Protein backbone atom coordinates (compact mmCIF):
# COMPACT_ATOMS: atom_id res chain seq x y z
CA MET A 1 -42.25 -8.28 1.35
CA GLU A 2 -44.42 -7.37 -1.64
CA GLU A 3 -42.92 -7.37 -5.14
CA ALA A 4 -43.13 -3.57 -5.41
CA GLU A 5 -41.52 -3.18 -1.98
CA SER A 6 -38.73 -5.57 -2.97
CA TYR A 7 -38.00 -3.59 -6.09
CA GLU A 8 -37.99 -0.31 -4.14
CA HIS A 9 -35.55 -1.93 -1.72
CA VAL A 10 -33.28 -2.84 -4.64
CA LEU A 11 -33.31 0.77 -5.80
CA ARG A 12 -32.51 2.04 -2.31
CA LEU A 13 -29.59 -0.35 -2.05
CA LEU A 14 -28.28 0.82 -5.40
CA GLU A 15 -28.54 4.41 -4.23
CA ASN A 16 -27.08 3.80 -0.77
CA LYS A 17 -24.30 1.39 -1.71
CA ALA A 18 -23.61 1.07 -5.42
CA SER A 19 -23.63 4.82 -6.10
CA VAL A 20 -21.51 5.50 -3.01
CA LYS A 21 -18.99 2.85 -4.00
CA GLN A 22 -18.72 4.30 -7.49
CA GLN A 23 -18.08 7.70 -5.93
CA ILE A 24 -15.42 6.21 -3.65
CA PHE A 25 -13.71 4.50 -6.57
CA LYS A 26 -13.52 7.80 -8.46
CA THR A 27 -12.29 9.63 -5.36
CA THR A 28 -9.63 6.99 -4.69
CA SER A 29 -8.51 7.19 -8.33
CA THR A 30 -8.12 10.95 -7.99
CA VAL A 31 -6.10 10.57 -4.79
CA PHE A 32 -4.01 7.79 -6.33
CA ASN A 33 -3.09 10.08 -9.22
CA GLN A 34 -2.01 12.69 -6.65
CA PHE A 35 0.21 10.04 -5.03
CA LYS A 36 1.74 9.27 -8.43
CA VAL A 37 2.47 12.96 -9.09
CA VAL A 38 4.12 13.37 -5.69
CA LEU A 39 6.10 10.13 -6.10
CA GLN A 40 7.43 11.42 -9.42
CA GLU A 41 8.35 14.74 -7.79
CA ILE A 42 10.24 12.91 -5.04
CA CYS A 43 12.06 10.91 -7.70
CA GLN A 44 13.10 14.08 -9.52
CA ASP A 45 14.29 15.66 -6.25
CA MET A 46 16.27 12.56 -5.34
CA GLN A 47 17.84 12.37 -8.80
CA SER A 48 18.86 16.02 -8.68
CA ASP A 49 20.19 16.04 -5.13
CA PHE A 50 21.83 12.61 -4.96
CA SER A 51 23.58 12.91 -8.33
CA LYS A 52 25.89 15.39 -6.61
CA ILE A 53 26.84 12.65 -4.16
CA ASP A 54 26.93 9.50 -6.30
CA GLN A 55 25.87 9.30 -9.94
CA ASN A 56 26.12 5.49 -9.95
CA VAL A 57 23.01 4.98 -7.79
CA GLU A 58 19.98 4.46 -10.03
CA ILE A 59 16.85 6.37 -9.07
CA SER A 60 13.86 6.13 -11.43
CA TYR A 61 10.10 6.49 -11.54
CA SER A 62 7.82 4.23 -13.58
CA ASP A 63 4.11 4.74 -14.24
CA ARG A 64 2.56 1.30 -14.74
CA GLY A 65 -0.94 2.42 -15.71
CA ASP A 66 -4.12 3.31 -13.85
CA PHE A 67 -3.44 1.10 -10.84
CA GLU A 68 0.33 1.05 -10.24
CA ALA A 69 3.46 3.20 -10.06
CA GLN A 70 7.00 2.36 -8.94
CA LEU A 71 9.96 4.21 -7.50
CA LYS A 72 13.30 2.44 -7.85
CA PHE A 73 16.14 3.60 -5.61
CA SER A 74 19.31 1.52 -5.60
CA GLY A 75 18.37 -2.09 -4.73
CA ASP A 76 14.81 -1.32 -3.61
CA VAL A 77 11.51 -0.61 -5.31
CA LEU A 78 8.52 1.05 -3.66
CA VAL A 79 5.42 -0.20 -5.45
CA LEU A 80 2.35 2.00 -5.16
CA SER A 81 -0.88 0.25 -6.17
CA MET A 82 -4.58 1.01 -6.00
CA HIS A 83 -7.13 -1.73 -5.40
CA SER A 84 -10.05 -1.69 -7.82
CA ASN A 85 -12.62 -2.59 -5.14
CA VAL A 86 -14.19 -0.73 -2.21
CA PHE A 87 -14.06 -2.12 1.34
CA SER A 88 -15.84 -1.78 4.66
CA PHE A 89 -14.72 -2.85 8.15
CA PRO A 90 -15.78 -5.57 10.60
CA PRO A 91 -18.52 -4.49 13.05
CA GLU A 92 -16.07 -4.57 15.97
CA HIS A 93 -13.53 -2.28 14.30
CA GLU A 94 -12.78 1.04 16.00
CA ILE A 95 -13.76 2.97 12.90
CA ASN A 96 -17.42 2.06 13.48
CA LYS A 97 -17.29 3.66 16.94
CA LEU A 98 -16.35 7.09 15.62
CA LYS A 99 -19.07 9.76 15.81
CA TYR A 100 -17.97 10.80 12.29
CA VAL A 101 -18.97 7.34 10.96
CA GLN A 102 -22.05 6.92 13.15
CA GLU A 103 -23.47 10.17 11.72
CA ASP A 104 -23.22 8.71 8.20
CA SER A 105 -22.54 4.99 7.89
CA SER A 106 -21.49 5.33 4.23
CA ARG A 107 -18.35 7.12 5.45
CA LYS A 108 -16.93 3.76 6.55
CA TYR A 109 -16.59 2.52 2.95
CA CYS A 110 -13.06 3.05 1.66
CA GLY A 111 -10.84 2.55 -1.32
CA ILE A 112 -7.31 1.29 -0.61
CA ILE A 113 -3.88 2.30 -1.86
CA HIS A 114 -1.12 -0.22 -1.03
CA LEU A 115 2.58 0.42 -0.48
CA HIS A 116 4.81 -2.61 -1.09
CA ASN A 117 8.58 -3.04 -0.92
CA PHE A 118 10.27 -5.32 -3.45
CA LEU A 119 13.89 -5.93 -4.27
CA ALA A 120 14.82 -4.25 -7.54
CA ASP A 121 16.37 -7.49 -8.83
CA SER A 122 13.10 -9.35 -8.19
CA LEU A 123 11.46 -7.19 -10.85
CA LYS A 124 14.51 -6.88 -13.10
CA TYR A 125 14.97 -10.64 -13.41
CA ASN A 126 11.25 -11.47 -13.11
CA ARG A 127 11.84 -13.76 -10.13
CA SER A 128 8.21 -14.71 -9.62
CA SER A 129 8.91 -16.61 -6.38
CA ASP A 130 10.48 -13.62 -4.66
CA ILE A 131 8.74 -12.04 -1.71
CA GLY A 132 7.51 -8.46 -1.44
CA TYR A 133 6.33 -6.86 1.80
CA LEU A 134 3.30 -4.73 2.54
CA ILE A 135 4.49 -1.69 4.48
CA GLY A 136 1.40 0.50 4.39
CA ARG A 137 -2.23 0.89 3.35
CA ILE A 138 -4.03 4.18 2.81
CA PHE A 139 -7.82 4.06 3.28
CA ILE A 140 -9.84 6.82 1.56
CA ASN A 141 -13.59 7.40 1.84
CA LYS A 142 -16.04 9.36 -0.33
CA GLU A 143 -15.09 12.67 1.35
CA GLU A 144 -11.33 12.08 0.88
CA HIS A 145 -10.96 11.53 4.61
CA PHE A 146 -8.24 8.98 5.22
CA PHE A 147 -6.17 6.98 7.63
CA VAL A 148 -3.03 4.89 7.23
CA ASP A 149 -2.37 1.39 8.52
CA GLY A 150 1.26 0.35 8.34
CA GLN A 151 4.72 -0.33 9.64
CA SER A 152 6.77 1.97 11.86
CA GLN A 153 5.54 5.60 11.91
CA LEU A 154 3.00 4.85 9.19
CA GLY A 155 1.07 2.91 11.83
CA PHE A 156 0.32 5.82 14.14
CA LEU A 157 0.93 9.23 12.52
CA PHE A 158 -2.10 9.24 10.21
CA ASN A 159 -5.00 7.64 12.06
CA SER A 160 -7.39 10.55 12.67
CA PHE A 161 -10.04 9.53 10.17
CA TRP A 162 -12.50 12.32 11.02
CA LYS A 163 -10.11 15.28 10.65
CA GLY A 164 -10.26 16.17 6.97
CA LYS A 165 -9.13 15.62 3.42
CA LEU A 166 -5.74 14.23 2.48
CA LYS A 167 -3.35 17.10 1.65
CA LYS A 168 -0.34 17.09 -0.66
CA GLU A 169 2.13 17.60 2.19
CA GLN A 170 0.67 14.55 3.96
CA ILE A 171 1.02 12.48 0.78
CA ARG A 172 4.68 13.48 0.55
CA LYS A 173 5.25 12.62 4.21
CA ILE A 174 3.62 9.18 3.79
CA LEU A 175 5.77 8.38 0.75
CA GLU A 176 8.98 9.64 2.37
CA LEU A 177 8.34 7.49 5.47
CA ALA A 178 7.68 4.49 3.20
CA ILE A 179 10.99 5.06 1.37
CA ILE A 180 12.84 5.36 4.69
CA TYR A 181 11.27 2.10 5.88
CA CYS A 182 12.33 0.33 2.67
CA MET A 183 15.95 1.42 3.14
CA ASP A 184 16.01 0.59 6.86
CA PHE A 185 14.47 -2.83 6.14
CA ASP A 186 17.67 -4.70 5.27
CA LEU A 187 18.18 -7.85 3.23
CA LEU A 188 19.41 -10.51 5.69
CA THR A 189 21.09 -13.78 4.84
CA PRO A 190 18.88 -16.75 5.83
CA PRO A 191 19.99 -19.34 8.41
CA PHE A 192 22.29 -21.98 6.92
CA GLU A 193 19.88 -24.83 7.74
CA THR A 194 17.15 -23.30 5.58
CA VAL A 195 19.27 -23.20 2.41
CA ARG A 196 21.69 -26.13 2.69
CA GLN A 197 19.58 -28.33 0.40
CA ILE A 198 18.60 -27.46 -3.13
CA SER A 199 16.45 -29.31 -5.65
CA LEU A 200 17.31 -29.63 -9.32
CA GLU A 201 14.25 -27.50 -10.10
CA GLU A 202 15.60 -24.75 -7.82
CA LYS A 203 19.03 -25.02 -9.44
CA GLN A 204 17.50 -24.61 -12.88
CA TYR A 205 15.45 -21.67 -11.62
CA MET A 206 18.63 -20.05 -10.32
CA GLY A 207 20.27 -20.36 -13.71
CA SER A 208 17.44 -18.66 -15.55
CA ASN A 209 16.52 -16.07 -12.91
CA SER A 210 19.88 -14.94 -11.49
CA GLY A 211 19.94 -16.46 -8.05
CA TYR A 212 17.91 -18.00 -5.24
CA PRO A 213 14.28 -16.99 -4.71
CA THR A 214 14.76 -13.97 -2.48
CA GLY A 215 12.99 -11.76 0.04
CA LYS A 216 14.37 -9.54 2.75
CA ARG A 217 13.44 -12.07 5.45
CA MET A 218 13.54 -15.42 3.62
CA GLY A 219 13.98 -18.24 6.14
CA TYR A 220 13.07 -16.11 9.16
CA LYS A 221 10.04 -16.02 11.41
CA PHE A 222 8.72 -12.58 10.73
CA LYS A 223 5.14 -12.69 11.99
CA GLN A 224 5.16 -9.46 13.98
CA GLU A 225 6.30 -7.20 11.15
CA LEU A 226 4.17 -9.02 8.56
CA ASP A 227 1.02 -8.84 10.68
CA THR A 228 -1.40 -6.84 8.54
CA GLN A 229 -4.18 -6.43 11.07
CA LEU A 230 -5.64 -2.93 10.91
CA THR A 231 -3.94 -0.43 13.19
CA PRO A 232 -6.48 0.93 15.70
CA VAL A 233 -7.96 4.22 14.59
CA ASN A 234 -7.60 7.13 16.98
CA LYS A 235 -10.79 7.15 19.06
CA ARG A 236 -11.16 10.90 19.25
CA GLU A 237 -14.23 12.21 17.48
C-alpha cells in the first residue's frame, strides 16, 4: 500500500470508527442521564408511597457523577453505572446476523449501562472485599436502539435490537424489574464449613469494617446466576 493510500485508509478508519464511537459515547451519556432521571423519580414515588406504610425503611437516591447513580432501599443498593468505552460483539454473536446490523455494520457498536446489586452495608462500612452482583446490562447503539442482557425477565423482555429507540416507559420498566430482582435475591447464610476458620487478619478486618466480608451468595456455587454470557438477541429482523 502506497503512503498516500495508507494515510487515506487512516482517515477512513477515523471516519468509520472513531467518529461513530464518539457519537455512541454521547448517545449513551444522554440515555444514561435519562436513566438517572427515571431512577430519581422512582425513588421519590417509593418515598412518598412507602412512608405511609413504614417510615423506618430508608429509601434514597444518590447521584455519583457522570458515570454512576445509586438507589438505596432498605438493605439493598441498585448501582447504575455507565462504561466509558464502546464495544462490539464477537463475529459469531446473533447480533451480527440481524438484517438491521448487516445493512449498516456500525450499528453493532454499543455503549453499555450496568446494573449491579450491592448490600447497603457494603457501601456504608466501605467493606472493600464484599461482593456485588451484575443483574443487567443495557446496550445502546448510535441510533439509540437497545437490548438488555440480564437476570430473570431482564434477559428476555428487551432483546429486539432492531425495533426502535429506548423510551422512558421502557427505562422505568427495566429499573423496576432490577429493583424487584434485588429484593427477591436474598442474603443467605453460607455453609458452616466455609466460615468455621478465621485468620487474625480477617478478625481485624471484622473489627474495623463491621462484620465478615459479605455477599448474597458467599460460600455458594452460583455459576448459573453469575454467568454473564450475552443473552441471545431475538432473531427477527
